[in-house]
Amino acid sequence: MIKILAVGKQKEKAMRQLTEEYAKRLQAFTKLEMLEVADENAPQTLHQAQMEQVKDKEGARLLSHIKDTDQVILLDLAGKMLTSEGLAEKIDQLQTYSGGNIVFVIGGSLGLSEALLQRADFRWKLSDLTFPHQLVRVLLAEQLYRAFTIINHQPYHK
């Protein structure tokens, strides 16, 4: 099973519809669960200590949905970039050799808590570009669908 954990709600209808479309397509290949945890209200200007508190609270909410047996992939600006084929290979290996679910985690706007970074089995950098969190969910869902079509030798990926 694939699980997507994200901080905050996907508010824009068009983004939500695209994410749901790829989630629906993924059902042909795997069970998918998408969970949203509350984001912390934080003013635009925060001191470093306040930023860490926000990340810690959001991180604790995310971690409460992660089991010890889960394989955790963080979407992280400091992570390793993968091609679509590389992501497919990573997912295929995890499904073959690990007993748990694969959990993709999208942190809040301030980033990821230290506890989440420590729990990660893999840190994935989606791009060198910066994207809104709403769009990252669409991109993740599409790339997961693409990865499963690659794994299953379907014609979607070109």
N, C-alpha and C. Protein backbone atom coordinates (compact mmCIF):
# COMPACT_ATOMS: atom_id res chain seq x y z
N MET A 1 0.83 -1.18 0.00
CA MET A 1 0.00 0.00 0.00
C MET A 1 0.88 1.25 0.00
N ILE A 2 0.40 2.26 -0.67
CA ILE A 2 1.05 3.57 -0.70
C ILE A 2 0.22 4.52 0.15
N LYS A 3 0.91 5.29 0.95
CA LYS A 3 0.25 6.30 1.77
C LYS A 3 0.91 7.64 1.48
N ILE A 4 0.10 8.67 1.30
CA ILE A 4 0.61 10.04 1.15
C ILE A 4 0.15 10.82 2.37
N LEU A 5 1.10 11.32 3.13
CA LEU A 5 0.81 12.17 4.29
C LEU A 5 1.24 13.58 3.95
N ALA A 6 0.36 14.54 4.22
CA ALA A 6 0.68 15.93 3.90
C ALA A 6 0.17 16.86 4.99
N VAL A 7 0.89 17.95 5.17
CA VAL A 7 0.48 18.99 6.11
C VAL A 7 -0.46 19.95 5.39
N GLY A 8 -1.60 20.22 6.00
CA GLY A 8 -2.54 21.19 5.45
C GLY A 8 -3.49 20.57 4.45
N LYS A 9 -4.54 21.31 4.17
CA LYS A 9 -5.56 20.86 3.22
C LYS A 9 -5.22 21.32 1.81
N GLN A 10 -5.62 20.54 0.85
CA GLN A 10 -5.49 20.92 -0.56
C GLN A 10 -6.76 21.71 -0.89
N LYS A 11 -6.65 23.02 -0.81
CA LYS A 11 -7.83 23.90 -0.86
C LYS A 11 -8.33 24.18 -2.27
N GLU A 12 -7.44 24.30 -3.22
CA GLU A 12 -7.84 24.66 -4.58
C GLU A 12 -8.51 23.47 -5.26
N LYS A 13 -9.72 23.71 -5.74
CA LYS A 13 -10.54 22.65 -6.32
C LYS A 13 -9.84 21.95 -7.50
N ALA A 14 -9.25 22.73 -8.39
CA ALA A 14 -8.59 22.15 -9.57
C ALA A 14 -7.44 21.23 -9.16
N MET A 15 -6.65 21.64 -8.18
CA MET A 15 -5.53 20.82 -7.71
C MET A 15 -6.05 19.54 -7.06
N ARG A 16 -7.08 19.68 -6.26
CA ARG A 16 -7.67 18.53 -5.58
C ARG A 16 -8.21 17.54 -6.60
N GLN A 17 -8.88 18.05 -7.65
CA GLN A 17 -9.43 17.17 -8.68
C GLN A 17 -8.33 16.41 -9.43
N LEU A 18 -7.24 17.09 -9.74
CA LEU A 18 -6.13 16.41 -10.42
C LEU A 18 -5.52 15.33 -9.53
N THR A 19 -5.31 15.65 -8.26
CA THR A 19 -4.77 14.67 -7.33
C THR A 19 -5.69 13.46 -7.24
N GLU A 20 -6.99 13.72 -7.14
CA GLU A 20 -7.97 12.63 -7.06
C GLU A 20 -8.00 11.80 -8.33
N GLU A 21 -7.81 12.43 -9.49
CA GLU A 21 -7.79 11.69 -10.76
C GLU A 21 -6.62 10.70 -10.78
N TYR A 22 -5.43 11.14 -10.39
CA TYR A 22 -4.29 10.22 -10.37
C TYR A 22 -4.45 9.16 -9.29
N ALA A 23 -5.05 9.53 -8.17
CA ALA A 23 -5.31 8.55 -7.10
C ALA A 23 -6.25 7.46 -7.62
N LYS A 24 -7.25 7.86 -8.38
CA LYS A 24 -8.19 6.89 -8.96
C LYS A 24 -7.47 5.96 -9.93
N ARG A 25 -6.60 6.52 -10.76
CA ARG A 25 -5.83 5.70 -11.71
C ARG A 25 -4.91 4.72 -10.98
N LEU A 26 -4.35 5.16 -9.86
CA LEU A 26 -3.43 4.31 -9.10
C LEU A 26 -4.11 3.07 -8.53
N GLN A 27 -5.40 3.15 -8.31
CA GLN A 27 -6.13 2.03 -7.72
C GLN A 27 -6.04 0.76 -8.56
N ALA A 28 -5.73 0.89 -9.84
CA ALA A 28 -5.54 -0.29 -10.68
C ALA A 28 -4.28 -1.07 -10.29
N PHE A 29 -3.36 -0.39 -9.59
CA PHE A 29 -2.06 -1.00 -9.29
C PHE A 29 -1.82 -1.25 -7.80
N THR A 30 -2.37 -0.39 -6.95
CA THR A 30 -2.07 -0.48 -5.53
C THR A 30 -3.16 0.22 -4.73
N LYS A 31 -3.23 -0.13 -3.47
CA LYS A 31 -4.12 0.59 -2.57
C LYS A 31 -3.43 1.90 -2.20
N LEU A 32 -4.19 2.99 -2.21
CA LEU A 32 -3.65 4.31 -1.91
C LEU A 32 -4.47 4.95 -0.80
N GLU A 33 -3.76 5.49 0.17
CA GLU A 33 -4.40 6.24 1.25
C GLU A 33 -3.77 7.62 1.28
N MET A 34 -4.61 8.66 1.33
CA MET A 34 -4.10 10.04 1.41
C MET A 34 -4.65 10.66 2.69
N LEU A 35 -3.74 11.15 3.52
CA LEU A 35 -4.11 11.76 4.79
C LEU A 35 -3.53 13.16 4.88
N GLU A 36 -4.32 14.06 5.43
CA GLU A 36 -3.87 15.42 5.67
C GLU A 36 -3.88 15.66 7.17
N VAL A 37 -2.82 16.28 7.67
CA VAL A 37 -2.79 16.70 9.07
C VAL A 37 -2.86 18.21 9.11
N ALA A 38 -3.33 18.74 10.22
CA ALA A 38 -3.48 20.19 10.36
C ALA A 38 -2.13 20.88 10.31
N ASP A 39 -2.12 22.04 9.66
CA ASP A 39 -0.92 22.86 9.69
C ASP A 39 -1.04 23.84 10.85
N GLU A 40 0.10 24.31 11.30
CA GLU A 40 0.15 25.28 12.40
C GLU A 40 -0.05 26.68 11.86
N ASN A 41 -0.85 27.46 12.53
CA ASN A 41 -0.95 28.87 12.18
C ASN A 41 0.35 29.55 12.59
N ALA A 42 0.98 30.18 11.63
CA ALA A 42 2.26 30.82 11.92
C ALA A 42 2.34 32.15 11.16
N PRO A 43 2.69 33.22 11.86
CA PRO A 43 2.84 34.50 11.17
C PRO A 43 4.00 34.46 10.18
N GLN A 44 4.01 35.40 9.27
CA GLN A 44 5.05 35.45 8.23
C GLN A 44 6.45 35.56 8.83
N THR A 45 6.60 36.32 9.90
CA THR A 45 7.93 36.52 10.50
C THR A 45 8.01 35.74 11.80
N LEU A 46 8.87 34.76 11.80
CA LEU A 46 9.09 33.93 12.98
C LEU A 46 10.57 33.88 13.29
N HIS A 47 10.89 33.78 14.57
CA HIS A 47 12.28 33.53 14.98
C HIS A 47 12.58 32.05 14.72
N GLN A 48 13.83 31.71 14.64
CA GLN A 48 14.24 30.33 14.35
C GLN A 48 13.63 29.35 15.35
N ALA A 49 13.62 29.70 16.62
CA ALA A 49 13.06 28.81 17.64
C ALA A 49 11.56 28.58 17.40
N GLN A 50 10.84 29.62 16.99
CA GLN A 50 9.42 29.49 16.70
C GLN A 50 9.19 28.61 15.47
N MET A 51 10.06 28.77 14.46
CA MET A 51 9.96 27.94 13.27
C MET A 51 10.14 26.46 13.62
N GLU A 52 11.10 26.18 14.47
CA GLU A 52 11.35 24.80 14.89
C GLU A 52 10.16 24.24 15.65
N GLN A 53 9.51 25.06 16.47
CA GLN A 53 8.32 24.61 17.20
C GLN A 53 7.20 24.24 16.24
N VAL A 54 7.00 25.07 15.22
CA VAL A 54 5.97 24.79 14.22
C VAL A 54 6.30 23.48 13.51
N LYS A 55 7.54 23.31 13.06
CA LYS A 55 7.93 22.08 12.36
C LYS A 55 7.78 20.87 13.28
N ASP A 56 8.12 21.02 14.56
CA ASP A 56 8.00 19.91 15.51
C ASP A 56 6.55 19.49 15.69
N LYS A 57 5.63 20.46 15.81
CA LYS A 57 4.21 20.13 15.99
C LYS A 57 3.66 19.44 14.75
N GLU A 58 3.96 19.99 13.58
CA GLU A 58 3.49 19.36 12.34
C GLU A 58 4.12 17.99 12.17
N GLY A 59 5.41 17.89 12.48
CA GLY A 59 6.11 16.61 12.37
C GLY A 59 5.52 15.55 13.28
N ALA A 60 5.16 15.93 14.49
CA ALA A 60 4.55 14.98 15.42
C ALA A 60 3.21 14.48 14.88
N ARG A 61 2.45 15.37 14.27
CA ARG A 61 1.17 14.95 13.67
C ARG A 61 1.40 13.94 12.55
N LEU A 62 2.40 14.20 11.72
CA LEU A 62 2.71 13.28 10.63
C LEU A 62 3.20 11.94 11.18
N LEU A 63 4.11 12.00 12.13
CA LEU A 63 4.69 10.77 12.69
C LEU A 63 3.64 9.89 13.36
N SER A 64 2.56 10.49 13.86
CA SER A 64 1.52 9.70 14.52
C SER A 64 0.80 8.77 13.53
N HIS A 65 0.97 8.99 12.23
CA HIS A 65 0.35 8.15 11.20
C HIS A 65 1.35 7.20 10.55
N ILE A 66 2.57 7.14 11.08
CA ILE A 66 3.61 6.29 10.51
C ILE A 66 3.90 5.14 11.47
N LYS A 67 3.84 3.92 10.93
CA LYS A 67 4.12 2.73 11.73
C LYS A 67 5.61 2.39 11.67
N ASP A 68 6.06 1.61 12.62
CA ASP A 68 7.47 1.20 12.66
C ASP A 68 7.87 0.43 11.41
N THR A 69 6.94 -0.31 10.82
CA THR A 69 7.25 -1.13 9.65
C THR A 69 7.16 -0.37 8.33
N ASP A 70 6.65 0.87 8.37
CA ASP A 70 6.50 1.66 7.15
C ASP A 70 7.86 2.10 6.60
N GLN A 71 7.95 2.15 5.29
CA GLN A 71 9.10 2.71 4.59
C GLN A 71 8.77 4.17 4.28
N VAL A 72 9.51 5.10 4.84
CA VAL A 72 9.17 6.52 4.77
C VAL A 72 10.05 7.23 3.76
N ILE A 73 9.40 7.86 2.79
CA ILE A 73 10.08 8.67 1.79
C ILE A 73 9.63 10.11 1.98
N LEU A 74 10.56 10.96 2.38
CA LEU A 74 10.26 12.38 2.58
C LEU A 74 10.50 13.13 1.29
N LEU A 75 9.59 14.02 0.94
CA LEU A 75 9.86 14.96 -0.14
C LEU A 75 10.64 16.09 0.51
N ASP A 76 11.90 16.24 0.12
CA ASP A 76 12.83 17.08 0.84
C ASP A 76 13.76 17.79 -0.14
N LEU A 77 13.87 19.10 0.01
CA LEU A 77 14.75 19.88 -0.85
C LEU A 77 16.20 19.45 -0.76
N ALA A 78 16.57 18.80 0.34
CA ALA A 78 17.94 18.33 0.51
C ALA A 78 18.08 16.85 0.14
N GLY A 79 17.05 16.28 -0.47
CA GLY A 79 17.08 14.88 -0.81
C GLY A 79 17.77 14.60 -2.14
N LYS A 80 17.66 13.35 -2.57
CA LYS A 80 18.28 12.90 -3.82
C LYS A 80 17.24 12.97 -4.94
N MET A 81 17.62 13.49 -6.07
CA MET A 81 16.73 13.53 -7.23
C MET A 81 16.71 12.15 -7.90
N LEU A 82 15.55 11.79 -8.42
CA LEU A 82 15.37 10.54 -9.14
C LEU A 82 14.70 10.80 -10.48
N THR A 83 15.00 9.97 -11.45
CA THR A 83 14.23 9.97 -12.69
C THR A 83 12.93 9.21 -12.41
N SER A 84 12.01 9.27 -13.33
CA SER A 84 10.77 8.49 -13.18
C SER A 84 11.10 7.00 -13.11
N GLU A 85 12.04 6.56 -13.92
CA GLU A 85 12.46 5.15 -13.89
C GLU A 85 13.11 4.82 -12.54
N GLY A 86 13.89 5.75 -12.01
CA GLY A 86 14.52 5.54 -10.72
C GLY A 86 13.50 5.43 -9.59
N LEU A 87 12.47 6.25 -9.65
CA LEU A 87 11.40 6.17 -8.66
C LEU A 87 10.68 4.83 -8.78
N ALA A 88 10.40 4.41 -9.99
CA ALA A 88 9.74 3.12 -10.20
C ALA A 88 10.59 1.99 -9.62
N GLU A 89 11.88 2.04 -9.85
CA GLU A 89 12.78 1.02 -9.31
C GLU A 89 12.77 1.03 -7.78
N LYS A 90 12.81 2.22 -7.18
CA LYS A 90 12.79 2.37 -5.72
C LYS A 90 11.51 1.77 -5.15
N ILE A 91 10.36 2.11 -5.73
CA ILE A 91 9.08 1.58 -5.27
C ILE A 91 9.02 0.07 -5.43
N ASP A 92 9.47 -0.43 -6.57
CA ASP A 92 9.46 -1.87 -6.83
C ASP A 92 10.31 -2.61 -5.80
N GLN A 93 11.50 -2.08 -5.51
CA GLN A 93 12.37 -2.71 -4.51
C GLN A 93 11.73 -2.70 -3.13
N LEU A 94 11.15 -1.56 -2.74
CA LEU A 94 10.53 -1.49 -1.42
C LEU A 94 9.35 -2.43 -1.30
N GLN A 95 8.55 -2.54 -2.36
CA GLN A 95 7.42 -3.46 -2.32
C GLN A 95 7.87 -4.91 -2.26
N THR A 96 8.99 -5.20 -2.91
CA THR A 96 9.48 -6.57 -2.96
C THR A 96 10.17 -6.98 -1.66
N TYR A 97 10.96 -6.08 -1.07
CA TYR A 97 11.84 -6.48 0.04
C TYR A 97 11.45 -5.95 1.41
N SER A 98 10.45 -5.08 1.50
CA SER A 98 10.06 -4.59 2.83
C SER A 98 8.64 -5.06 3.13
N GLY A 99 8.36 -5.24 4.39
CA GLY A 99 7.05 -5.74 4.77
C GLY A 99 6.01 -4.66 4.99
N GLY A 100 6.44 -3.41 5.08
CA GLY A 100 5.50 -2.35 5.42
C GLY A 100 4.98 -1.59 4.22
N ASN A 101 4.19 -0.60 4.53
CA ASN A 101 3.67 0.31 3.51
C ASN A 101 4.76 1.29 3.10
N ILE A 102 4.58 1.90 1.95
CA ILE A 102 5.47 2.98 1.52
C ILE A 102 4.72 4.27 1.80
N VAL A 103 5.32 5.13 2.60
CA VAL A 103 4.68 6.37 3.02
C VAL A 103 5.47 7.55 2.47
N PHE A 104 4.82 8.36 1.65
CA PHE A 104 5.41 9.59 1.12
C PHE A 104 4.92 10.74 2.01
N VAL A 105 5.86 11.57 2.45
CA VAL A 105 5.53 12.64 3.38
C VAL A 105 5.86 14.00 2.76
N ILE A 106 4.84 14.88 2.76
CA ILE A 106 4.99 16.26 2.32
C ILE A 106 4.86 17.13 3.55
N GLY A 107 5.93 17.79 3.94
CA GLY A 107 5.92 18.62 5.14
C GLY A 107 5.20 19.93 4.92
N GLY A 108 5.22 20.76 5.94
CA GLY A 108 4.59 22.07 5.87
C GLY A 108 5.46 23.08 5.16
N SER A 109 4.98 24.31 5.12
CA SER A 109 5.67 25.37 4.38
C SER A 109 7.02 25.73 4.98
N LEU A 110 7.23 25.42 6.26
CA LEU A 110 8.52 25.72 6.89
C LEU A 110 9.51 24.57 6.79
N GLY A 111 9.04 23.44 6.30
CA GLY A 111 9.94 22.31 6.13
C GLY A 111 9.61 21.16 7.06
N LEU A 112 10.59 20.30 7.29
CA LEU A 112 10.42 19.05 8.01
C LEU A 112 11.10 19.09 9.37
N SER A 113 10.49 18.45 10.34
CA SER A 113 11.06 18.41 11.68
C SER A 113 12.28 17.48 11.70
N GLU A 114 13.11 17.68 12.68
CA GLU A 114 14.28 16.82 12.84
C GLU A 114 13.86 15.37 13.08
N ALA A 115 12.77 15.18 13.82
CA ALA A 115 12.29 13.82 14.09
C ALA A 115 11.88 13.12 12.79
N LEU A 116 11.25 13.85 11.87
CA LEU A 116 10.88 13.27 10.58
C LEU A 116 12.13 12.94 9.76
N LEU A 117 13.09 13.85 9.77
CA LEU A 117 14.33 13.61 9.03
C LEU A 117 15.02 12.35 9.55
N GLN A 118 15.00 12.15 10.86
CA GLN A 118 15.62 10.97 11.46
C GLN A 118 14.87 9.69 11.11
N ARG A 119 13.55 9.79 10.96
CA ARG A 119 12.71 8.61 10.68
C ARG A 119 12.76 8.20 9.20
N ALA A 120 13.17 9.09 8.35
CA ALA A 120 13.12 8.84 6.90
C ALA A 120 14.01 7.67 6.49
N ASP A 121 13.48 6.86 5.60
CA ASP A 121 14.27 5.80 4.97
C ASP A 121 14.91 6.31 3.68
N PHE A 122 14.30 7.33 3.10
CA PHE A 122 14.82 7.94 1.87
C PHE A 122 14.30 9.36 1.79
N ARG A 123 15.17 10.26 1.33
CA ARG A 123 14.79 11.66 1.15
C ARG A 123 14.86 11.97 -0.34
N TRP A 124 13.71 12.34 -0.91
CA TRP A 124 13.57 12.53 -2.34
C TRP A 124 13.37 13.99 -2.66
N LYS A 125 14.23 14.51 -3.53
CA LYS A 125 14.10 15.88 -4.02
C LYS A 125 13.36 15.82 -5.34
N LEU A 126 12.16 16.36 -5.33
CA LEU A 126 11.31 16.32 -6.52
C LEU A 126 11.90 17.13 -7.67
N SER A 127 12.51 18.28 -7.33
CA SER A 127 13.05 19.17 -8.36
C SER A 127 13.92 20.23 -7.70
N ASP A 128 14.73 20.88 -8.51
CA ASP A 128 15.46 22.05 -8.02
C ASP A 128 14.54 23.27 -7.94
N LEU A 129 13.41 23.19 -8.60
CA LEU A 129 12.45 24.29 -8.59
C LEU A 129 11.65 24.28 -7.29
N THR A 130 11.07 25.41 -6.95
CA THR A 130 10.19 25.51 -5.79
C THR A 130 8.74 25.48 -6.28
N PHE A 131 7.92 24.63 -5.66
CA PHE A 131 6.52 24.49 -6.03
C PHE A 131 5.64 24.77 -4.82
N PRO A 132 4.42 25.27 -5.05
CA PRO A 132 3.47 25.38 -3.95
C PRO A 132 3.11 23.98 -3.45
N HIS A 133 2.84 23.86 -2.15
CA HIS A 133 2.51 22.55 -1.58
C HIS A 133 1.29 21.92 -2.25
N GLN A 134 0.36 22.74 -2.69
CA GLN A 134 -0.83 22.22 -3.37
C GLN A 134 -0.43 21.49 -4.65
N LEU A 135 0.49 22.07 -5.39
CA LEU A 135 0.93 21.48 -6.65
C LEU A 135 1.81 20.24 -6.42
N VAL A 136 2.56 20.23 -5.34
CA VAL A 136 3.43 19.08 -5.05
C VAL A 136 2.59 17.81 -4.92
N ARG A 137 1.41 17.91 -4.36
CA ARG A 137 0.55 16.73 -4.23
C ARG A 137 0.14 16.19 -5.60
N VAL A 138 -0.16 17.09 -6.52
CA VAL A 138 -0.51 16.67 -7.88
C VAL A 138 0.70 16.00 -8.52
N LEU A 139 1.86 16.65 -8.43
CA LEU A 139 3.08 16.10 -9.03
C LEU A 139 3.42 14.73 -8.43
N LEU A 140 3.30 14.60 -7.12
CA LEU A 140 3.58 13.32 -6.47
C LEU A 140 2.61 12.24 -6.97
N ALA A 141 1.33 12.54 -6.98
CA ALA A 141 0.35 11.56 -7.43
C ALA A 141 0.61 11.14 -8.88
N GLU A 142 0.94 12.12 -9.73
CA GLU A 142 1.22 11.79 -11.13
C GLU A 142 2.47 10.93 -11.24
N GLN A 143 3.52 11.27 -10.50
CA GLN A 143 4.75 10.49 -10.58
C GLN A 143 4.56 9.08 -10.01
N LEU A 144 3.72 8.93 -9.01
CA LEU A 144 3.42 7.59 -8.50
C LEU A 144 2.68 6.77 -9.56
N TYR A 145 1.72 7.40 -10.20
CA TYR A 145 1.01 6.70 -11.28
C TYR A 145 1.98 6.32 -12.40
N ARG A 146 2.84 7.24 -12.78
CA ARG A 146 3.83 6.97 -13.83
C ARG A 146 4.74 5.82 -13.40
N ALA A 147 5.19 5.82 -12.15
CA ALA A 147 6.07 4.76 -11.65
C ALA A 147 5.39 3.39 -11.74
N PHE A 148 4.12 3.34 -11.37
CA PHE A 148 3.42 2.07 -11.42
C PHE A 148 3.17 1.61 -12.85
N THR A 149 3.00 2.54 -13.78
CA THR A 149 2.86 2.12 -15.18
C THR A 149 4.19 1.58 -15.70
N ILE A 150 5.30 2.15 -15.25
CA ILE A 150 6.62 1.64 -15.62
C ILE A 150 6.82 0.23 -15.06
N ILE A 151 6.53 0.07 -13.77
CA ILE A 151 6.68 -1.23 -13.10
C ILE A 151 5.85 -2.29 -13.81
N ASN A 152 4.67 -1.92 -14.24
CA ASN A 152 3.72 -2.87 -14.85
C ASN A 152 3.74 -2.87 -16.37
N HIS A 153 4.77 -2.24 -16.94
CA HIS A 153 4.97 -2.23 -18.39
C HIS A 153 3.73 -1.72 -19.15
N GLN A 154 3.14 -0.67 -18.64
CA GLN A 154 1.99 -0.02 -19.27
C GLN A 154 2.49 1.10 -20.17
N PRO A 155 1.74 1.50 -21.17
CA PRO A 155 2.22 2.47 -22.16
C PRO A 155 2.18 3.94 -21.75
N TYR A 156 1.73 4.29 -20.56
CA TYR A 156 1.63 5.70 -20.17
C TYR A 156 2.96 6.43 -20.23
N HIS A 157 4.01 5.83 -19.69
CA HIS A 157 5.32 6.48 -19.61
C HIS A 157 5.99 6.51 -20.99
N LYS A 158 6.49 7.70 -21.36
CA LYS A 158 7.21 7.83 -22.62
C LYS A 158 8.48 8.59 -22.42
